[in-house]
Amino acid sequence: TALARAFVLLSLPPYLIPLAGLSILGTILLGPRLMFVMIVIASVNVGIIAGNDFLLTAALLLTSGFAIYTVLRVASRTELVRAGILIALVTAVVTFAVVLIGGFTLQTAVELGGIGLANGVLSLMLAMVLLPLLENVFNILTPQKLLELSDTGHPLLQKLLRGAPGTFTHSMQVGSLAENAAERIGADPLLARVGAYYHDVGKLYHPNYFI
């Protein structure tokens, strides 16, 4: 809401307000249900701030809702970039359509559609920059962070490999078993595998005890 107010005070196009970026961040960090409620409230607030522009509210609500749906299936940061590009394209199309429905000229609709595309790109950039920061500040374990931890090149896993190679091999095997078991019962396979990778790192203190 504060960001939207700043856009209005600085006379920036209100269709450039990156609410979809908030959707991306919030869905990954907080979950889709809470985020959808927040987006509905924020979209109405932004429309009121922009002079009771409820076409703007409709455009933001549709694009932000699509962003929530899209990032639900995102696991890696590469997939997040792809999802962000798709969100930018959809934002452009939705903005163009909403402006036409509002009775504006085709030229105005094309111009605002371009601003909608810029909105999507800005939202993606905002999400990519803030996501790692918020993950670390609030210690939130996201799928993206889990994928980073699952990399066997991680410094701690490399330390385990050098200091206790037998335990390292055991942990990799347990990770595979845990992942398969988690899939069978509908649990989180990635979380199970990563947890298994690190479950014996304490043995590094006295690796000879666990030959």
N, C-alpha and C. Protein backbone atom coordinates (compact mmCIF):
# COMPACT_ATOMS: atom_id res chain seq x y z
N THR A 1 0.83 -1.20 0.00
CA THR A 1 0.00 0.00 0.00
C THR A 1 0.86 1.25 0.00
N ALA A 2 1.94 1.22 0.78
CA ALA A 2 2.87 2.36 0.82
C ALA A 2 3.54 2.56 -0.54
N LEU A 3 3.91 1.45 -1.19
CA LEU A 3 4.53 1.53 -2.52
C LEU A 3 3.56 2.12 -3.53
N ALA A 4 2.30 1.71 -3.46
CA ALA A 4 1.28 2.25 -4.36
C ALA A 4 1.11 3.75 -4.14
N ARG A 5 1.12 4.17 -2.87
CA ARG A 5 1.00 5.58 -2.55
C ARG A 5 2.17 6.38 -3.13
N ALA A 6 3.36 5.79 -3.04
CA ALA A 6 4.55 6.44 -3.59
C ALA A 6 4.43 6.61 -5.10
N PHE A 7 3.90 5.59 -5.79
CA PHE A 7 3.72 5.67 -7.24
C PHE A 7 2.79 6.83 -7.60
N VAL A 8 1.71 6.99 -6.84
CA VAL A 8 0.74 8.05 -7.11
C VAL A 8 1.36 9.42 -6.84
N LEU A 9 2.07 9.54 -5.72
CA LEU A 9 2.68 10.83 -5.36
C LEU A 9 3.75 11.25 -6.37
N LEU A 10 4.46 10.27 -6.93
CA LEU A 10 5.51 10.56 -7.91
C LEU A 10 4.97 10.63 -9.34
N SER A 11 3.64 10.50 -9.48
CA SER A 11 2.97 10.56 -10.79
C SER A 11 3.45 9.47 -11.74
N LEU A 12 3.80 8.32 -11.20
CA LEU A 12 4.16 7.16 -12.03
C LEU A 12 2.89 6.43 -12.44
N PRO A 13 2.91 5.74 -13.57
CA PRO A 13 1.69 5.02 -14.02
C PRO A 13 1.26 3.98 -12.98
N PRO A 14 0.01 4.05 -12.51
CA PRO A 14 -0.44 3.09 -11.49
C PRO A 14 -0.44 1.64 -11.99
N TYR A 15 -0.55 1.45 -13.32
CA TYR A 15 -0.52 0.09 -13.86
C TYR A 15 0.88 -0.52 -13.79
N LEU A 16 1.85 0.28 -13.31
CA LEU A 16 3.21 -0.22 -13.15
C LEU A 16 3.46 -0.74 -11.73
N ILE A 17 2.48 -0.58 -10.82
CA ILE A 17 2.64 -1.02 -9.43
C ILE A 17 2.84 -2.54 -9.39
N PRO A 18 3.98 -3.03 -8.90
CA PRO A 18 4.34 -4.45 -9.03
C PRO A 18 3.70 -5.35 -7.97
N LEU A 19 2.38 -5.39 -7.98
CA LEU A 19 1.68 -6.22 -6.99
C LEU A 19 1.91 -7.71 -7.25
N ALA A 20 2.15 -8.08 -8.51
CA ALA A 20 2.44 -9.49 -8.82
C ALA A 20 3.73 -9.94 -8.15
N GLY A 21 4.67 -9.01 -7.97
CA GLY A 21 5.91 -9.35 -7.26
C GLY A 21 5.63 -9.74 -5.82
N LEU A 22 4.70 -9.02 -5.19
CA LEU A 22 4.28 -9.37 -3.83
C LEU A 22 3.63 -10.76 -3.82
N SER A 23 2.85 -11.06 -4.86
CA SER A 23 2.21 -12.38 -4.96
C SER A 23 3.24 -13.49 -5.04
N ILE A 24 4.27 -13.28 -5.86
CA ILE A 24 5.32 -14.29 -6.02
C ILE A 24 6.03 -14.54 -4.70
N LEU A 25 6.46 -13.44 -4.06
CA LEU A 25 7.18 -13.57 -2.79
C LEU A 25 6.31 -14.20 -1.72
N GLY A 26 5.09 -13.70 -1.58
CA GLY A 26 4.21 -14.17 -0.51
C GLY A 26 3.80 -15.61 -0.67
N THR A 27 3.58 -16.05 -1.91
CA THR A 27 3.18 -17.43 -2.15
C THR A 27 4.30 -18.39 -1.76
N ILE A 28 5.53 -18.04 -2.12
CA ILE A 28 6.68 -18.90 -1.81
C ILE A 28 6.97 -18.90 -0.31
N LEU A 29 6.86 -17.74 0.33
CA LEU A 29 7.25 -17.61 1.74
C LEU A 29 6.13 -17.93 2.72
N LEU A 30 4.89 -17.58 2.35
CA LEU A 30 3.78 -17.68 3.31
C LEU A 30 2.70 -18.68 2.90
N GLY A 31 2.64 -19.02 1.62
CA GLY A 31 1.60 -19.94 1.16
C GLY A 31 0.51 -19.21 0.38
N PRO A 32 -0.19 -19.92 -0.50
CA PRO A 32 -1.15 -19.28 -1.41
C PRO A 32 -2.44 -18.78 -0.75
N ARG A 33 -2.91 -19.46 0.29
CA ARG A 33 -4.21 -19.05 0.86
C ARG A 33 -4.14 -17.68 1.51
N LEU A 34 -3.15 -17.49 2.37
CA LEU A 34 -2.97 -16.19 3.02
C LEU A 34 -2.68 -15.12 1.99
N MET A 35 -1.88 -15.48 0.98
CA MET A 35 -1.49 -14.52 -0.04
C MET A 35 -2.69 -14.05 -0.84
N PHE A 36 -3.63 -14.96 -1.14
CA PHE A 36 -4.78 -14.55 -1.93
C PHE A 36 -5.63 -13.52 -1.18
N VAL A 37 -5.81 -13.73 0.11
CA VAL A 37 -6.56 -12.76 0.92
C VAL A 37 -5.86 -11.40 0.91
N MET A 38 -4.53 -11.43 1.07
CA MET A 38 -3.75 -10.19 1.08
C MET A 38 -3.85 -9.46 -0.27
N ILE A 39 -3.85 -10.23 -1.36
CA ILE A 39 -3.89 -9.64 -2.69
C ILE A 39 -5.23 -8.96 -2.95
N VAL A 40 -6.32 -9.60 -2.51
CA VAL A 40 -7.65 -8.99 -2.68
C VAL A 40 -7.69 -7.64 -1.97
N ILE A 41 -7.22 -7.62 -0.72
CA ILE A 41 -7.23 -6.38 0.06
C ILE A 41 -6.32 -5.33 -0.58
N ALA A 42 -5.12 -5.75 -0.98
CA ALA A 42 -4.16 -4.81 -1.57
C ALA A 42 -4.67 -4.25 -2.90
N SER A 43 -5.31 -5.09 -3.73
CA SER A 43 -5.82 -4.62 -5.03
C SER A 43 -6.87 -3.54 -4.85
N VAL A 44 -7.77 -3.76 -3.89
CA VAL A 44 -8.81 -2.76 -3.61
C VAL A 44 -8.18 -1.47 -3.08
N ASN A 45 -7.21 -1.61 -2.18
CA ASN A 45 -6.52 -0.44 -1.63
C ASN A 45 -5.85 0.38 -2.73
N VAL A 46 -5.15 -0.32 -3.64
CA VAL A 46 -4.43 0.37 -4.71
C VAL A 46 -5.42 1.09 -5.63
N GLY A 47 -6.54 0.44 -5.95
CA GLY A 47 -7.55 1.08 -6.78
C GLY A 47 -8.09 2.36 -6.15
N ILE A 48 -8.31 2.33 -4.84
CA ILE A 48 -8.80 3.52 -4.13
C ILE A 48 -7.74 4.62 -4.13
N ILE A 49 -6.49 4.24 -3.86
CA ILE A 49 -5.39 5.21 -3.83
C ILE A 49 -5.22 5.89 -5.19
N ALA A 50 -5.44 5.12 -6.26
CA ALA A 50 -5.27 5.65 -7.62
C ALA A 50 -6.52 6.39 -8.11
N GLY A 51 -7.36 6.86 -7.19
CA GLY A 51 -8.53 7.64 -7.56
C GLY A 51 -9.75 6.80 -7.88
N ASN A 52 -9.97 5.77 -7.06
CA ASN A 52 -11.11 4.86 -7.26
C ASN A 52 -11.11 4.24 -8.66
N ASP A 53 -9.93 3.82 -9.11
CA ASP A 53 -9.78 3.19 -10.42
C ASP A 53 -9.96 1.68 -10.25
N PHE A 54 -11.20 1.23 -10.43
CA PHE A 54 -11.46 -0.19 -10.19
C PHE A 54 -11.15 -1.06 -11.41
N LEU A 55 -10.89 -0.42 -12.56
CA LEU A 55 -10.30 -1.17 -13.67
C LEU A 55 -8.89 -1.61 -13.28
N LEU A 56 -8.17 -0.71 -12.61
CA LEU A 56 -6.83 -1.03 -12.11
C LEU A 56 -6.91 -2.15 -11.08
N THR A 57 -7.90 -2.07 -10.19
CA THR A 57 -8.11 -3.13 -9.20
C THR A 57 -8.33 -4.48 -9.87
N ALA A 58 -9.18 -4.49 -10.90
CA ALA A 58 -9.47 -5.75 -11.62
C ALA A 58 -8.21 -6.30 -12.28
N ALA A 59 -7.43 -5.42 -12.92
CA ALA A 59 -6.22 -5.87 -13.60
C ALA A 59 -5.21 -6.43 -12.61
N LEU A 60 -5.01 -5.73 -11.49
CA LEU A 60 -4.05 -6.19 -10.48
C LEU A 60 -4.51 -7.49 -9.84
N LEU A 61 -5.79 -7.60 -9.59
CA LEU A 61 -6.32 -8.82 -8.95
C LEU A 61 -6.16 -10.03 -9.86
N LEU A 62 -6.47 -9.85 -11.14
CA LEU A 62 -6.35 -10.97 -12.10
C LEU A 62 -4.89 -11.39 -12.28
N THR A 63 -4.01 -10.42 -12.47
CA THR A 63 -2.60 -10.76 -12.72
C THR A 63 -1.93 -11.31 -11.46
N SER A 64 -2.26 -10.76 -10.31
CA SER A 64 -1.67 -11.25 -9.06
C SER A 64 -2.19 -12.64 -8.72
N GLY A 65 -3.47 -12.88 -8.99
CA GLY A 65 -4.02 -14.22 -8.79
C GLY A 65 -3.36 -15.23 -9.70
N PHE A 66 -3.11 -14.83 -10.94
CA PHE A 66 -2.41 -15.73 -11.87
C PHE A 66 -0.98 -16.00 -11.38
N ALA A 67 -0.34 -14.97 -10.82
CA ALA A 67 1.02 -15.14 -10.29
C ALA A 67 1.04 -16.16 -9.16
N ILE A 68 0.05 -16.10 -8.28
CA ILE A 68 -0.04 -17.06 -7.17
C ILE A 68 -0.16 -18.48 -7.73
N TYR A 69 -1.06 -18.66 -8.71
CA TYR A 69 -1.27 -19.98 -9.30
C TYR A 69 0.00 -20.49 -9.99
N THR A 70 0.71 -19.59 -10.66
CA THR A 70 1.88 -19.99 -11.45
C THR A 70 3.05 -20.43 -10.58
N VAL A 71 3.33 -19.69 -9.50
CA VAL A 71 4.53 -20.00 -8.70
C VAL A 71 4.28 -21.15 -7.72
N LEU A 72 3.05 -21.65 -7.63
CA LEU A 72 2.78 -22.79 -6.76
C LEU A 72 3.62 -24.00 -7.14
N ARG A 73 3.90 -24.15 -8.42
CA ARG A 73 4.61 -25.33 -8.92
C ARG A 73 6.09 -25.07 -9.17
N VAL A 74 6.56 -23.89 -8.75
CA VAL A 74 7.96 -23.53 -8.98
C VAL A 74 8.84 -24.15 -7.90
N ALA A 75 9.93 -24.80 -8.33
CA ALA A 75 10.85 -25.41 -7.37
C ALA A 75 12.21 -24.72 -7.38
N SER A 76 12.77 -24.48 -8.57
CA SER A 76 14.11 -23.89 -8.66
C SER A 76 14.02 -22.42 -9.05
N ARG A 77 15.14 -21.73 -8.92
CA ARG A 77 15.17 -20.31 -9.31
C ARG A 77 15.07 -20.15 -10.82
N THR A 78 15.55 -21.13 -11.58
CA THR A 78 15.40 -21.09 -13.03
C THR A 78 13.93 -21.17 -13.41
N GLU A 79 13.19 -22.05 -12.75
CA GLU A 79 11.75 -22.15 -13.00
C GLU A 79 11.04 -20.86 -12.59
N LEU A 80 11.55 -20.21 -11.55
CA LEU A 80 10.96 -18.94 -11.11
C LEU A 80 11.11 -17.87 -12.19
N VAL A 81 12.27 -17.84 -12.85
CA VAL A 81 12.48 -16.88 -13.93
C VAL A 81 11.50 -17.15 -15.07
N ARG A 82 11.35 -18.43 -15.44
CA ARG A 82 10.41 -18.78 -16.51
C ARG A 82 8.98 -18.39 -16.14
N ALA A 83 8.61 -18.68 -14.89
CA ALA A 83 7.27 -18.31 -14.42
C ALA A 83 7.09 -16.79 -14.45
N GLY A 84 8.14 -16.07 -14.08
CA GLY A 84 8.08 -14.61 -14.07
C GLY A 84 7.88 -14.03 -15.46
N ILE A 85 8.53 -14.63 -16.46
CA ILE A 85 8.36 -14.17 -17.85
C ILE A 85 6.93 -14.42 -18.31
N LEU A 86 6.39 -15.59 -17.95
CA LEU A 86 4.99 -15.89 -18.30
C LEU A 86 4.04 -14.91 -17.62
N ILE A 87 4.31 -14.61 -16.36
CA ILE A 87 3.47 -13.65 -15.62
C ILE A 87 3.53 -12.28 -16.28
N ALA A 88 4.72 -11.86 -16.74
CA ALA A 88 4.86 -10.57 -17.42
C ALA A 88 4.01 -10.52 -18.69
N LEU A 89 4.04 -11.59 -19.47
CA LEU A 89 3.25 -11.64 -20.70
C LEU A 89 1.76 -11.60 -20.42
N VAL A 90 1.34 -12.37 -19.41
CA VAL A 90 -0.08 -12.40 -19.04
C VAL A 90 -0.52 -11.03 -18.50
N THR A 91 0.36 -10.39 -17.73
CA THR A 91 0.04 -9.05 -17.20
C THR A 91 -0.20 -8.06 -18.34
N ALA A 92 0.64 -8.15 -19.38
CA ALA A 92 0.46 -7.26 -20.54
C ALA A 92 -0.89 -7.51 -21.22
N VAL A 93 -1.24 -8.79 -21.43
CA VAL A 93 -2.49 -9.13 -22.12
C VAL A 93 -3.70 -8.72 -21.28
N VAL A 94 -3.65 -9.02 -19.98
CA VAL A 94 -4.79 -8.70 -19.10
C VAL A 94 -4.98 -7.18 -19.01
N THR A 95 -3.88 -6.44 -18.86
CA THR A 95 -3.99 -4.97 -18.79
C THR A 95 -4.58 -4.42 -20.08
N PHE A 96 -4.11 -4.91 -21.21
CA PHE A 96 -4.64 -4.49 -22.52
C PHE A 96 -6.14 -4.75 -22.59
N ALA A 97 -6.56 -5.94 -22.19
CA ALA A 97 -7.97 -6.32 -22.28
C ALA A 97 -8.84 -5.50 -21.34
N VAL A 98 -8.38 -5.32 -20.10
CA VAL A 98 -9.17 -4.57 -19.12
C VAL A 98 -9.35 -3.12 -19.56
N VAL A 99 -8.30 -2.52 -20.12
CA VAL A 99 -8.39 -1.13 -20.57
C VAL A 99 -9.36 -1.01 -21.76
N LEU A 100 -9.32 -1.98 -22.67
CA LEU A 100 -10.28 -1.96 -23.78
C LEU A 100 -11.71 -2.10 -23.28
N ILE A 101 -11.92 -3.01 -22.32
CA ILE A 101 -13.25 -3.19 -21.74
C ILE A 101 -13.74 -1.91 -21.07
N GLY A 102 -12.78 -1.15 -20.52
CA GLY A 102 -13.13 0.11 -19.86
C GLY A 102 -13.52 1.22 -20.83
N GLY A 103 -13.45 0.95 -22.14
CA GLY A 103 -13.91 1.94 -23.12
C GLY A 103 -12.84 2.87 -23.63
N PHE A 104 -11.58 2.59 -23.36
CA PHE A 104 -10.50 3.44 -23.85
C PHE A 104 -10.16 3.09 -25.30
N THR A 105 -9.37 3.95 -25.93
CA THR A 105 -9.00 3.73 -27.33
C THR A 105 -7.98 2.58 -27.43
N LEU A 106 -7.85 2.07 -28.65
CA LEU A 106 -6.90 0.99 -28.90
C LEU A 106 -5.47 1.43 -28.60
N GLN A 107 -5.15 2.67 -28.94
CA GLN A 107 -3.80 3.18 -28.69
C GLN A 107 -3.50 3.21 -27.20
N THR A 108 -4.46 3.69 -26.41
CA THR A 108 -4.28 3.73 -24.95
C THR A 108 -4.13 2.32 -24.39
N ALA A 109 -4.93 1.39 -24.92
CA ALA A 109 -4.86 0.00 -24.46
C ALA A 109 -3.49 -0.60 -24.77
N VAL A 110 -2.94 -0.31 -25.95
CA VAL A 110 -1.62 -0.82 -26.31
C VAL A 110 -0.55 -0.22 -25.40
N GLU A 111 -0.64 1.08 -25.14
CA GLU A 111 0.34 1.75 -24.27
C GLU A 111 0.31 1.16 -22.86
N LEU A 112 -0.89 1.00 -22.32
CA LEU A 112 -1.01 0.45 -20.97
C LEU A 112 -0.66 -1.03 -20.94
N GLY A 113 -0.89 -1.74 -22.06
CA GLY A 113 -0.44 -3.12 -22.16
C GLY A 113 1.08 -3.21 -22.06
N GLY A 114 1.77 -2.26 -22.69
CA GLY A 114 3.23 -2.19 -22.58
C GLY A 114 3.67 -1.91 -21.16
N ILE A 115 2.93 -1.04 -20.48
CA ILE A 115 3.24 -0.76 -19.07
C ILE A 115 2.98 -2.01 -18.24
N GLY A 116 1.94 -2.78 -18.60
CA GLY A 116 1.67 -4.04 -17.90
C GLY A 116 2.81 -5.03 -18.06
N LEU A 117 3.40 -5.07 -19.27
CA LEU A 117 4.57 -5.93 -19.49
C LEU A 117 5.73 -5.50 -18.61
N ALA A 118 5.95 -4.17 -18.54
CA ALA A 118 7.01 -3.65 -17.67
C ALA A 118 6.72 -3.98 -16.20
N ASN A 119 5.44 -3.94 -15.83
CA ASN A 119 5.03 -4.31 -14.47
C ASN A 119 5.45 -5.74 -14.15
N GLY A 120 5.19 -6.67 -15.10
CA GLY A 120 5.56 -8.07 -14.89
C GLY A 120 7.05 -8.25 -14.73
N VAL A 121 7.83 -7.55 -15.56
CA VAL A 121 9.29 -7.65 -15.48
C VAL A 121 9.79 -7.07 -14.15
N LEU A 122 9.22 -5.93 -13.75
CA LEU A 122 9.59 -5.31 -12.48
C LEU A 122 9.24 -6.23 -11.31
N SER A 123 8.09 -6.89 -11.38
CA SER A 123 7.67 -7.82 -10.33
C SER A 123 8.65 -8.98 -10.21
N LEU A 124 9.08 -9.51 -11.36
CA LEU A 124 10.04 -10.62 -11.36
C LEU A 124 11.36 -10.18 -10.74
N MET A 125 11.85 -9.00 -11.14
CA MET A 125 13.12 -8.50 -10.60
C MET A 125 13.02 -8.30 -9.10
N LEU A 126 11.90 -7.75 -8.65
CA LEU A 126 11.68 -7.53 -7.23
C LEU A 126 11.70 -8.84 -6.46
N ALA A 127 11.03 -9.85 -7.01
CA ALA A 127 10.97 -11.17 -6.35
C ALA A 127 12.35 -11.82 -6.31
N MET A 128 13.09 -11.76 -7.42
CA MET A 128 14.41 -12.40 -7.49
C MET A 128 15.40 -11.76 -6.51
N VAL A 129 15.30 -10.45 -6.33
CA VAL A 129 16.22 -9.75 -5.42
C VAL A 129 15.85 -9.98 -3.96
N LEU A 130 14.55 -9.90 -3.66
CA LEU A 130 14.12 -9.95 -2.25
C LEU A 130 13.99 -11.36 -1.69
N LEU A 131 13.74 -12.35 -2.55
CA LEU A 131 13.50 -13.70 -2.06
C LEU A 131 14.67 -14.26 -1.25
N PRO A 132 15.92 -14.25 -1.76
CA PRO A 132 17.03 -14.77 -0.95
C PRO A 132 17.23 -13.98 0.34
N LEU A 133 17.02 -12.67 0.28
CA LEU A 133 17.17 -11.83 1.47
C LEU A 133 16.16 -12.20 2.54
N LEU A 134 14.89 -12.36 2.15
CA LEU A 134 13.84 -12.69 3.11
C LEU A 134 13.99 -14.11 3.63
N GLU A 135 14.45 -15.02 2.78
CA GLU A 135 14.71 -16.40 3.22
C GLU A 135 15.70 -16.40 4.38
N ASN A 136 16.77 -15.63 4.23
CA ASN A 136 17.83 -15.63 5.24
C ASN A 136 17.45 -14.84 6.48
N VAL A 137 16.81 -13.68 6.29
CA VAL A 137 16.45 -12.83 7.44
C VAL A 137 15.45 -13.55 8.36
N PHE A 138 14.44 -14.20 7.76
CA PHE A 138 13.39 -14.84 8.56
C PHE A 138 13.57 -16.35 8.67
N ASN A 139 14.69 -16.87 8.13
CA ASN A 139 15.03 -18.29 8.23
C ASN A 139 13.88 -19.18 7.75
N ILE A 140 13.35 -18.84 6.56
CA ILE A 140 12.26 -19.60 5.97
C ILE A 140 12.84 -20.58 4.95
N LEU A 141 12.44 -21.83 5.06
CA LEU A 141 12.95 -22.87 4.18
C LEU A 141 12.02 -23.01 2.98
N THR A 142 12.44 -22.51 1.83
CA THR A 142 11.64 -22.57 0.61
C THR A 142 12.14 -23.71 -0.28
N PRO A 143 11.35 -24.13 -1.28
CA PRO A 143 11.84 -25.15 -2.21
C PRO A 143 13.15 -24.76 -2.89
N GLN A 144 13.30 -23.46 -3.18
CA GLN A 144 14.53 -23.00 -3.81
C GLN A 144 15.73 -23.20 -2.89
N LYS A 145 15.54 -22.90 -1.61
CA LYS A 145 16.62 -23.09 -0.63
C LYS A 145 16.94 -24.57 -0.45
N LEU A 146 15.92 -25.41 -0.45
CA LEU A 146 16.12 -26.85 -0.32
C LEU A 146 16.93 -27.40 -1.50
N LEU A 147 16.65 -26.91 -2.69
CA LEU A 147 17.41 -27.36 -3.85
C LEU A 147 18.88 -26.99 -3.73
N GLU A 148 19.14 -25.80 -3.19
CA GLU A 148 20.53 -25.40 -2.97
C GLU A 148 21.20 -26.32 -1.96
N LEU A 149 20.48 -26.69 -0.91
CA LEU A 149 21.03 -27.56 0.13
C LEU A 149 21.20 -28.99 -0.37
N SER A 150 20.45 -29.38 -1.40
CA SER A 150 20.55 -30.75 -1.90
C SER A 150 21.76 -30.94 -2.82
N ASP A 151 22.41 -29.86 -3.17
CA ASP A 151 23.60 -29.94 -4.04
C ASP A 151 24.74 -30.59 -3.25
N THR A 152 25.26 -31.71 -3.78
CA THR A 152 26.34 -32.41 -3.06
C THR A 152 27.64 -31.61 -3.06
N GLY A 153 27.68 -30.52 -3.80
CA GLY A 153 28.83 -29.62 -3.74
C GLY A 153 28.75 -28.63 -2.59
N HIS A 154 27.69 -28.69 -1.80
CA HIS A 154 27.55 -27.80 -0.64
C HIS A 154 28.75 -27.99 0.29
N PRO A 155 29.32 -26.91 0.83
CA PRO A 155 30.54 -27.02 1.65
C PRO A 155 30.44 -28.03 2.80
N LEU A 156 29.28 -28.08 3.46
CA LEU A 156 29.16 -29.01 4.59
C LEU A 156 29.14 -30.46 4.12
N LEU A 157 28.47 -30.73 2.99
CA LEU A 157 28.47 -32.09 2.46
C LEU A 157 29.86 -32.49 1.94
N GLN A 158 30.56 -31.53 1.37
CA GLN A 158 31.93 -31.81 0.94
C GLN A 158 32.83 -32.11 2.13
N LYS A 159 32.61 -31.38 3.24
CA LYS A 159 33.37 -31.65 4.47
C LYS A 159 33.06 -33.05 4.99
N LEU A 160 31.79 -33.45 4.91
CA LEU A 160 31.39 -34.79 5.33
C LEU A 160 32.04 -35.85 4.44
N LEU A 161 32.10 -35.58 3.12
CA LEU A 161 32.71 -36.51 2.18
C LEU A 161 34.20 -36.72 2.49
N ARG A 162 34.89 -35.64 2.81
CA ARG A 162 36.33 -35.74 3.09
C ARG A 162 36.61 -36.33 4.46
N GLY A 163 35.79 -35.94 5.45
CA GLY A 163 36.07 -36.36 6.83
C GLY A 163 35.48 -37.70 7.21
N ALA A 164 34.34 -38.06 6.58
CA ALA A 164 33.67 -39.32 6.92
C ALA A 164 33.01 -39.88 5.66
N PRO A 165 33.81 -40.38 4.71
CA PRO A 165 33.26 -40.82 3.42
C PRO A 165 32.21 -41.91 3.54
N GLY A 166 32.40 -42.83 4.52
CA GLY A 166 31.40 -43.89 4.71
C GLY A 166 30.06 -43.31 5.14
N THR A 167 30.09 -42.35 6.05
CA THR A 167 28.86 -41.70 6.51
C THR A 167 28.21 -40.92 5.37
N PHE A 168 29.04 -40.29 4.54
CA PHE A 168 28.52 -39.55 3.38
C PHE A 168 27.74 -40.48 2.46
N THR A 169 28.35 -41.63 2.13
CA THR A 169 27.68 -42.60 1.26
C THR A 169 26.38 -43.10 1.89
N HIS A 170 26.45 -43.39 3.18
CA HIS A 170 25.26 -43.83 3.91
C HIS A 170 24.15 -42.76 3.83
N SER A 171 24.51 -41.50 4.00
CA SER A 171 23.53 -40.41 3.98
C SER A 171 22.88 -40.28 2.61
N MET A 172 23.67 -40.46 1.54
CA MET A 172 23.11 -40.39 0.20
C MET A 172 22.09 -41.52 -0.02
N GLN A 173 22.42 -42.72 0.49
CA GLN A 173 21.51 -43.86 0.34
C GLN A 173 20.23 -43.64 1.14
N VAL A 174 20.37 -43.13 2.35
CA VAL A 174 19.19 -42.84 3.18
C VAL A 174 18.33 -41.76 2.52
N GLY A 175 19.00 -40.77 1.88
CA GLY A 175 18.27 -39.72 1.17
C GLY A 175 17.40 -40.28 0.07
N SER A 176 17.95 -41.24 -0.70
CA SER A 176 17.18 -41.87 -1.77
C SER A 176 16.00 -42.66 -1.21
N LEU A 177 16.23 -43.40 -0.13
CA LEU A 177 15.15 -44.17 0.50
C LEU A 177 14.07 -43.24 1.05
N ALA A 178 14.50 -42.19 1.72
CA ALA A 178 13.54 -41.25 2.33
C ALA A 178 12.70 -40.57 1.27
N GLU A 179 13.34 -40.20 0.15
CA GLU A 179 12.61 -39.54 -0.93
C GLU A 179 11.53 -40.46 -1.50
N ASN A 180 11.88 -41.72 -1.75
CA ASN A 180 10.90 -42.68 -2.27
C ASN A 180 9.77 -42.92 -1.29
N ALA A 181 10.12 -43.03 -0.01
CA ALA A 181 9.09 -43.25 1.02
C ALA A 181 8.14 -42.06 1.10
N ALA A 182 8.72 -40.85 1.05
CA ALA A 182 7.90 -39.63 1.13
C ALA A 182 6.92 -39.54 -0.04
N GLU A 183 7.39 -39.92 -1.24
CA GLU A 183 6.50 -39.91 -2.41
C GLU A 183 5.34 -40.87 -2.22
N ARG A 184 5.61 -42.03 -1.63
CA ARG A 184 4.56 -43.05 -1.45
C ARG A 184 3.45 -42.57 -0.50
N ILE A 185 3.81 -41.80 0.51
CA ILE A 185 2.82 -41.41 1.53
C ILE A 185 2.32 -39.98 1.35
N GLY A 186 2.77 -39.32 0.26
CA GLY A 186 2.29 -37.97 -0.01
C GLY A 186 2.96 -36.89 0.81
N ALA A 187 4.16 -37.18 1.35
CA ALA A 187 4.92 -36.17 2.09
C ALA A 187 5.81 -35.39 1.11
N ASP A 188 6.66 -34.53 1.63
CA ASP A 188 7.52 -33.68 0.80
C ASP A 188 8.81 -34.44 0.49
N PRO A 189 8.97 -34.96 -0.73
CA PRO A 189 10.16 -35.77 -1.05
C PRO A 189 11.46 -35.00 -0.96
N LEU A 190 11.43 -33.74 -1.39
CA LEU A 190 12.66 -32.94 -1.38
C LEU A 190 13.11 -32.67 0.05
N LEU A 191 12.17 -32.33 0.91
CA LEU A 191 12.50 -32.07 2.32
C LEU A 191 13.06 -33.34 2.98
N ALA A 192 12.46 -34.49 2.68
CA ALA A 192 12.92 -35.75 3.25
C ALA A 192 14.34 -36.08 2.79
N ARG A 193 14.59 -35.86 1.49
CA ARG A 193 15.92 -36.18 0.95
C ARG A 193 16.99 -35.27 1.54
N VAL A 194 16.71 -33.98 1.61
CA VAL A 194 17.70 -33.03 2.14
C VAL A 194 17.94 -33.29 3.63
N GLY A 195 16.87 -33.57 4.37
CA GLY A 195 17.04 -33.89 5.79
C GLY A 195 17.93 -35.11 5.99
N ALA A 196 17.75 -36.11 5.12
CA ALA A 196 18.56 -37.32 5.22
C ALA A 196 20.03 -37.04 4.89
N TYR A 197 20.27 -36.17 3.93
CA TYR A 197 21.65 -35.84 3.57
C TYR A 197 22.45 -35.30 4.77
N TYR A 198 21.76 -34.55 5.63
CA TYR A 198 22.47 -33.85 6.71
C TYR A 198 22.27 -34.51 8.09
N HIS A 199 21.56 -35.65 8.13
CA HIS A 199 21.16 -36.16 9.45
C HIS A 199 22.34 -36.69 10.27
N ASP A 200 23.46 -36.98 9.63
CA ASP A 200 24.60 -37.56 10.36
C ASP A 200 25.83 -36.66 10.37
N VAL A 201 25.66 -35.38 10.10
CA VAL A 201 26.85 -34.51 10.04
C VAL A 201 27.55 -34.39 11.39
N GLY A 202 26.82 -34.65 12.46
CA GLY A 202 27.45 -34.59 13.78
C GLY A 202 28.56 -35.62 13.95
N LYS A 203 28.55 -36.66 13.15
CA LYS A 203 29.59 -37.69 13.24
C LYS A 203 30.96 -37.17 12.80
N LEU A 204 30.98 -36.00 12.19
CA LEU A 204 32.26 -35.41 11.80
C LEU A 204 33.15 -35.11 13.01
N TYR A 205 32.53 -34.92 14.17
CA TYR A 205 33.33 -34.62 15.37
C TYR A 205 34.23 -35.79 15.75
N HIS A 206 33.73 -37.03 15.60
CA HIS A 206 34.53 -38.22 15.90
C HIS A 206 34.22 -39.29 14.85
N PRO A 207 34.65 -39.11 13.61
CA PRO A 207 34.28 -40.05 12.54
C PRO A 207 34.77 -41.47 12.79
N ASN A 208 35.87 -41.62 13.52
CA ASN A 208 36.39 -42.97 13.77
C ASN A 208 35.48 -43.80 14.67
N TYR A 209 34.61 -43.15 15.41
CA TYR A 209 33.66 -43.86 16.27
C TYR A 209 32.61 -44.61 15.45
N PHE A 210 32.46 -44.25 14.17
CA PHE A 210 31.31 -44.75 13.39
C PHE A 210 31.76 -45.51 12.14
N ILE A 211 32.90 -46.20 12.25
CA ILE A 211 33.39 -46.98 11.12
C ILE A 211 32.45 -48.18 10.89
